[in-house]
Every structure is written in C-alpha cells, then in structure tokens.
C-alpha atoms as a PDB file:
ATOM      1  CA  MET A   1      17.119  -4.080 -19.695  1.00  0.00           C
ATOM      2  CA  VAL A   2      13.629  -3.534 -18.347  1.00  0.00           C
ATOM      3  CA  ILE A   3      11.031  -1.820 -20.528  1.00  0.00           C
ATOM      4  CA  VAL A   4       8.031  -0.639 -18.519  1.00  0.00           C
ATOM      5  CA  VAL A   5       4.885  -0.199 -20.630  1.00  0.00           C
ATOM      6  CA  ILE A   6       2.725   2.297 -18.745  1.00  0.00           C
ATOM      7  CA  GLY A   7      -0.735   3.810 -19.034  1.00  0.00           C
ATOM      8  CA  VAL A   8      -4.236   3.700 -17.648  1.00  0.00           C
ATOM      9  CA  SER A   9      -6.294   0.533 -17.535  1.00  0.00           C
ATOM     10  CA  GLY A  10      -7.474  -0.377 -21.015  1.00  0.00           C
ATOM     11  CA  SER A  11      -4.652   1.393 -22.837  1.00  0.00           C
ATOM     12  CA  GLY A  12      -3.279  -1.939 -24.051  1.00  0.00           C
ATOM     13  CA  LYS A  13      -0.342  -2.495 -21.683  1.00  0.00           C
ATOM     14  CA  THR A  14      -0.715  -6.274 -21.568  1.00  0.00           C
ATOM     15  CA  ALA A  15      -1.387  -6.766 -25.276  1.00  0.00           C
ATOM     16  CA  VAL A  16       1.401  -4.418 -26.367  1.00  0.00           C
ATOM     17  CA  GLY A  17       3.819  -5.511 -23.640  1.00  0.00           C
ATOM     18  CA  SER A  18       3.427  -9.218 -24.320  1.00  0.00           C
ATOM     19  CA  GLU A  19       3.801  -8.704 -28.074  1.00  0.00           C
ATOM     20  CA  LEU A  20       6.851  -6.486 -27.531  1.00  0.00           C
ATOM     21  CA  ALA A  21       8.418  -9.138 -25.288  1.00  0.00           C
ATOM     22  CA  ALA A  22       7.706 -11.835 -27.870  1.00  0.00           C
ATOM     23  CA  ARG A  23       9.251  -9.754 -30.679  1.00  0.00           C
ATOM     24  CA  LEU A  24      12.375  -9.151 -28.576  1.00  0.00           C
ATOM     25  CA  GLY A  25      12.571 -12.694 -27.175  1.00  0.00           C
ATOM     26  CA  TRP A  26      12.354 -11.257 -23.647  1.00  0.00           C
ATOM     27  CA  ALA A  27      10.339 -12.245 -20.582  1.00  0.00           C
ATOM     28  CA  PHE A  28       6.976 -10.558 -19.981  1.00  0.00           C
ATOM     29  CA  GLU A  29       5.628  -9.637 -16.547  1.00  0.00           C
ATOM     30  CA  ASP A  30       2.341  -8.004 -15.589  1.00  0.00           C
ATOM     31  CA  ALA A  31       2.300  -5.686 -12.578  1.00  0.00           C
ATOM     32  CA  ASP A  32      -1.285  -6.754 -11.885  1.00  0.00           C
ATOM     33  CA  ASP A  33       0.199 -10.027 -10.626  1.00  0.00           C
ATOM     34  CA  PHE A  34       2.043  -8.087  -7.900  1.00  0.00           C
ATOM     35  CA  HIS A  35      -1.087  -6.505  -6.374  1.00  0.00           C
ATOM     36  CA  ALA A  36      -2.179  -7.660  -2.937  1.00  0.00           C
ATOM     37  CA  ALA A  37      -5.478  -9.536  -2.921  1.00  0.00           C
ATOM     38  CA  THR A  38      -7.037  -6.628  -1.007  1.00  0.00           C
ATOM     39  CA  ASN A  39      -6.154  -4.231  -3.851  1.00  0.00           C
ATOM     40  CA  VAL A  40      -7.619  -6.537  -6.485  1.00  0.00           C
ATOM     41  CA  ASP A  41     -10.773  -6.915  -4.381  1.00  0.00           C
ATOM     42  CA  LYS A  42     -11.128  -3.132  -4.046  1.00  0.00           C
ATOM     43  CA  MET A  43     -10.775  -2.620  -7.777  1.00  0.00           C
ATOM     44  CA  ARG A  44     -13.154  -5.488  -8.540  1.00  0.00           C
ATOM     45  CA  ARG A  45     -15.740  -3.719  -6.345  1.00  0.00           C
ATOM     46  CA  GLY A  46     -15.168  -0.465  -8.248  1.00  0.00           C
ATOM     47  CA  VAL A  47     -13.242   1.253  -5.440  1.00  0.00           C
ATOM     48  CA  PRO A  48     -10.255   3.287  -6.661  1.00  0.00           C
ATOM     49  CA  LEU A  49      -6.890   2.544  -5.088  1.00  0.00           C
ATOM     50  CA  THR A  50      -5.335   5.217  -2.912  1.00  0.00           C
ATOM     51  CA  ASP A  51      -1.684   6.163  -2.845  1.00  0.00           C
ATOM     52  CA  GLN A  52      -1.446   4.209   0.439  1.00  0.00           C
ATOM     53  CA  ASP A  53      -2.819   1.113  -1.331  1.00  0.00           C
ATOM     54  CA  ARG A  54      -0.205   1.449  -4.051  1.00  0.00           C
ATOM     55  CA  ILE A  55       2.887   1.823  -1.830  1.00  0.00           C
ATOM     56  CA  PRO A  56       3.450  -1.902  -1.054  1.00  0.00           C
ATOM     57  CA  TRP A  57       2.703  -2.756  -4.689  1.00  0.00           C
ATOM     58  CA  ILE A  58       5.283  -0.288  -6.040  1.00  0.00           C
ATOM     59  CA  ARG A  59       7.840  -1.487  -3.473  1.00  0.00           C
ATOM     60  CA  SER A  60       7.283  -5.086  -4.547  1.00  0.00           C
ATOM     61  CA  LEU A  61       7.653  -4.116  -8.199  1.00  0.00           C
ATOM     62  CA  GLY A  62      10.806  -2.152  -7.384  1.00  0.00           C
ATOM     63  CA  ARG A  63      12.328  -5.221  -5.757  1.00  0.00           C
ATOM     64  CA  ALA A  64      11.466  -7.343  -8.793  1.00  0.00           C
ATOM     65  CA  VAL A  65      12.852  -4.769 -11.244  1.00  0.00           C
ATOM     66  CA  GLY A  66      16.042  -4.532  -9.177  1.00  0.00           C
ATOM     67  CA  GLU A  67      16.441  -8.321  -9.198  1.00  0.00           C
ATOM     68  CA  TRP A  68      15.822  -8.570 -12.944  1.00  0.00           C
ATOM     69  CA  SER A  69      18.359  -5.836 -13.572  1.00  0.00           C
ATOM     70  CA  ALA A  70      20.964  -7.330 -11.214  1.00  0.00           C
ATOM     71  CA  ASP A  71      20.512 -10.724 -12.885  1.00  0.00           C
ATOM     72  CA  GLY A  72      20.908  -9.182 -16.344  1.00  0.00           C
ATOM     73  CA  ARG A  73      17.403 -10.277 -17.359  1.00  0.00           C
ATOM     74  CA  ASP A  74      15.617  -8.533 -20.202  1.00  0.00           C
ATOM     75  CA  VAL A  75      11.987  -8.011 -19.187  1.00  0.00           C
ATOM     76  CA  VAL A  76       8.979  -6.109 -20.492  1.00  0.00           C
ATOM     77  CA  LEU A  77       6.757  -5.071 -17.585  1.00  0.00           C
ATOM     78  CA  ALA A  78       3.165  -3.935 -18.093  1.00  0.00           C
ATOM     79  CA  CYS A  79       2.494  -1.498 -15.258  1.00  0.00           C
ATOM     80  CA  SER A  80       0.149   1.458 -14.869  1.00  0.00           C
ATOM     81  CA  ALA A  81       2.798   3.574 -13.054  1.00  0.00           C
ATOM     82  CA  LEU A  82       0.337   6.458 -13.185  1.00  0.00           C
ATOM     83  CA  ARG A  83       2.283   8.836 -10.967  1.00  0.00           C
ATOM     84  CA  LYS A  84       5.776  10.187 -11.496  1.00  0.00           C
ATOM     85  CA  CYS A  85       6.748   8.928  -8.019  1.00  0.00           C
ATOM     86  CA  HIS A  86       5.854   5.368  -9.134  1.00  0.00           C
ATOM     87  CA  ARG A  87       8.108   5.668 -12.165  1.00  0.00           C
ATOM     88  CA  ASP A  88      10.847   7.247 -10.044  1.00  0.00           C
ATOM     89  CA  ALA A  89      10.651   4.321  -7.591  1.00  0.00           C
ATOM     90  CA  LEU A  90      11.015   1.800 -10.421  1.00  0.00           C
ATOM     91  CA  ARG A  91      13.862   3.806 -11.955  1.00  0.00           C
ATOM     92  CA  ALA A  92      15.638   3.955  -8.567  1.00  0.00           C
ATOM     93  CA  ALA A  93      15.559   0.149  -8.419  1.00  0.00           C
ATOM     94  CA  VAL A  94      17.993   0.020 -11.339  1.00  0.00           C
ATOM     95  CA  PRO A  95      21.381   1.265 -10.111  1.00  0.00           C
ATOM     96  CA  ASP A  96      22.786   2.442 -13.437  1.00  0.00           C
ATOM     97  CA  GLY A  97      19.507   3.987 -14.631  1.00  0.00           C
ATOM     98  CA  GLY A  98      20.387   3.071 -18.191  1.00  0.00           C
ATOM     99  CA  ARG A  99      18.834  -0.372 -18.023  1.00  0.00           C
ATOM    100  CA  ILE A 100      15.233   0.801 -17.668  1.00  0.00           C
ATOM    101  CA  ARG A 101      13.038   2.544 -20.223  1.00  0.00           C
ATOM    102  CA  PHE A 102       9.418   3.676 -20.026  1.00  0.00           C
ATOM    103  CA  VAL A 103       6.883   3.571 -22.850  1.00  0.00           C
ATOM    104  CA  TYR A 104       3.648   5.498 -22.305  1.00  0.00           C
ATOM    105  CA  LEU A 105       0.592   4.201 -24.158  1.00  0.00           C
ATOM    106  CA  LYS A 106      -1.362   7.391 -24.747  1.00  0.00           C
ATOM    107  CA  GLY A 107      -4.998   7.487 -25.699  1.00  0.00           C
ATOM    108  CA  SER A 108      -8.121   9.553 -25.202  1.00  0.00           C
ATOM    109  CA  TYR A 109     -10.633   8.875 -22.463  1.00  0.00           C
ATOM    110  CA  GLU A 110     -13.285   8.069 -25.084  1.00  0.00           C
ATOM    111  CA  THR A 111     -11.123   5.512 -26.899  1.00  0.00           C
ATOM    112  CA  ILE A 112     -10.100   3.736 -23.711  1.00  0.00           C
ATOM    113  CA  ASP A 113     -13.621   3.833 -22.254  1.00  0.00           C
ATOM    114  CA  ARG A 114     -14.902   2.151 -25.418  1.00  0.00           C
ATOM    115  CA  ARG A 115     -12.210  -0.550 -25.087  1.00  0.00           C
ATOM    116  CA  LEU A 116     -12.998  -1.188 -21.431  1.00  0.00           C
ATOM    117  CA  ARG A 117     -16.697  -1.608 -22.148  1.00  0.00           C
ATOM    118  CA  LEU A 118     -15.811  -4.392 -24.601  1.00  0.00           C
ATOM    119  CA  ARG A 119     -13.337  -6.138 -22.289  1.00  0.00           C
ATOM    120  CA  VAL A 120     -14.428  -9.194 -20.332  1.00  0.00           C
ATOM    121  CA  GLY A 121     -12.747 -11.183 -17.578  1.00  0.00           C
ATOM    122  CA  HIS A 122     -10.577  -8.424 -16.084  1.00  0.00           C
ATOM    123  CA  PHE A 123     -10.943  -7.312 -12.462  1.00  0.00           C
ATOM    124  CA  MET A 124     -10.693  -3.617 -13.323  1.00  0.00           C
ATOM    125  CA  PRO A 125     -14.170  -2.290 -14.205  1.00  0.00           C
ATOM    126  CA  GLU A 126     -14.670   0.560 -16.659  1.00  0.00           C
ATOM    127  CA  SER A 127     -16.196   2.591 -13.821  1.00  0.00           C
ATOM    128  CA  LEU A 128     -12.671   3.223 -12.462  1.00  0.00           C
ATOM    129  CA  LEU A 129     -11.339   4.786 -15.660  1.00  0.00           C
ATOM    130  CA  LYS A 130     -12.070   8.348 -14.520  1.00  0.00           C
ATOM    131  CA  SER A 131     -10.071   7.799 -11.316  1.00  0.00           C
ATOM    132  CA  GLN A 132      -7.193   6.437 -13.409  1.00  0.00           C
ATOM    133  CA  PHE A 133      -7.150   9.552 -15.596  1.00  0.00           C
ATOM    134  CA  ASP A 134      -7.468  11.750 -12.484  1.00  0.00           C
ATOM    135  CA  THR A 135      -4.427  10.009 -10.961  1.00  0.00           C
ATOM    136  CA  LEU A 136      -2.373   9.998 -14.176  1.00  0.00           C
ATOM    137  CA  GLU A 137       0.635  12.296 -14.267  1.00  0.00           C
ATOM    138  CA  GLU A 138       1.578  12.084 -17.923  1.00  0.00           C
ATOM    139  CA  PRO A 139       5.288  11.564 -18.436  1.00  0.00           C
ATOM    140  CA  ASN A 140       7.167  14.072 -20.552  1.00  0.00           C
ATOM    141  CA  SER A 141       9.368  13.097 -23.482  1.00  0.00           C
ATOM    142  CA  SER A 142      12.503  12.967 -21.341  1.00  0.00           C
ATOM    143  CA  GLU A 143      10.862  10.411 -19.056  1.00  0.00           C
ATOM    144  CA  ALA A 144       9.073   8.108 -21.486  1.00  0.00           C
ATOM    145  CA  LEU A 145       8.509   7.347 -25.131  1.00  0.00           C
ATOM    146  CA  ALA A 146       4.860   8.236 -25.807  1.00  0.00           C
ATOM    147  CA  VAL A 147       3.059   6.033 -28.311  1.00  0.00           C
ATOM    148  CA  ASP A 148      -0.473   6.506 -29.633  1.00  0.00           C
ATOM    149  CA  ILE A 149      -2.782   3.549 -28.912  1.00  0.00           C
ATOM    150  CA  GLU A 150      -4.959   3.925 -32.035  1.00  0.00           C
ATOM    151  CA  PRO A 151      -2.897   1.784 -34.473  1.00  0.00           C
ATOM    152  CA  PRO A 152      -2.979  -2.030 -34.344  1.00  0.00           C
ATOM    153  CA  VAL A 153      -0.749  -3.715 -31.744  1.00  0.00           C
ATOM    154  CA  ALA A 154       1.860  -4.773 -34.318  1.00  0.00           C
ATOM    155  CA  ALA A 155       2.252  -1.158 -35.495  1.00  0.00           C
ATOM    156  CA  ILE A 156       2.502   0.087 -31.913  1.00  0.00           C
ATOM    157  CA  VAL A 157       5.215  -2.486 -31.190  1.00  0.00           C
ATOM    158  CA  ALA A 158       7.102  -1.471 -34.341  1.00  0.00           C
ATOM    159  CA  SER A 159       6.895   2.156 -33.220  1.00  0.00           C
ATOM    160  CA  ILE A 160       8.261   1.237 -29.781  1.00  0.00           C
ATOM    161  CA  LEU A 161      11.126  -0.774 -31.262  1.00  0.00           C
ATOM    162  CA  ALA A 162      12.060   2.138 -33.525  1.00  0.00           C
ATOM    163  CA  GLY A 163      11.617   4.734 -30.766  1.00  0.00           C
ATOM    164  CA  LEU A 164      13.858   2.806 -28.377  1.00  0.00           C
ATOM    165  CA  HIS A 165      16.313   1.940 -31.180  1.00  0.00           C
ATOM    166  CA  LEU A 166      15.724  -1.769 -30.712  1.00  0.00           C
ATOM    167  CA  ASP A 167      14.648  -2.500 -34.299  1.00  0.00           C
ATOM    168  CA  ARG A 168      15.784  -5.851 -35.497  1.00  0.00           C
ATOM    169  CA  PRO A 169      15.532  -7.193 -39.008  1.00  0.00           C
ATOM    170  CA  ALA A 170      12.709  -9.728 -39.254  1.00  0.00           C
END
C-alpha cells in the first residue's frame, strides 16, 4: 500500500510521514526528492511553481507509485499534491485503486506560517505559503483522511493509524 501524506509546505508532511512509516515498518519517500533542479531553484528564489512546472514532477511520482504498488512495497510518501488532478494522477498509477490512501494534514495559514518562520535549512521559503494555499484544492472526506496538525506528531500518527484502520498493538 502507498499512503500519501499531503498538505501545504510546513504542514508537517515529512515529520508525520517519516514517523508514520517508522511506526508501520514501511519505507518513507519524500516527493521533494523528485523535483527537477530547476523547480527547487525556483522555489529557493521565492518563485511559485506553475502547473506546467509540476507536470513532470507528478508524472515522475506517478511512475514511482506505480512501481512501488506493482512490487508490493508499502511506502509512505510525503507529497504536497495540492490539486485534485495531482492526487488523481497518483491514484491512477495504482491499478486496483485500493492500494493507495491519502492523508491531508490540515492547518490554518497562521499556524503554518509560524512553523515556516521557525524552520531552517529547507529550500521552500515562507514567502511562498500564500501561493500554496491559493493552489490548494482541499480534498473532501471521500478522497482523503483529514487530520488536524495542531497535536504533537505522535498523536497525529496515532490518529492516522486509527483513521486508516491500521492500528497495531504497541
């Protein structure tokens, strides 16, 4: 199965996704690693990505998701997947559709802005947060499990495990 942890930059995708993967004993992948160098450079300079910029990135992620699924690998993927068409492309990469789930890390602009201002060492500057929220097409409950980002990471992971019915005794 592939669990895609989605949300805007600063919502906690990497922290939550890596902890979720560790709790499940699954592999963790970060969609940031699939961006072309030109995309990373644009974001580093504070230039929002366009839909055209994202197309090769989503295609590359779709290929990876398809391979993981075909190989029977269990993977947690941290990926913004801001638009419904991005999520649809990732879902289409899994033939049976039942081996991919989306978890939306939902938080307010103010909370995430505060987090981004404290973050160091990431190429995505806080100045791009507004463009991320402008691009975001929030998934509905039939598309993704929505989880509030306010609790600590361990509580968020526990909520995801329960929401996806993947709870395991400790």
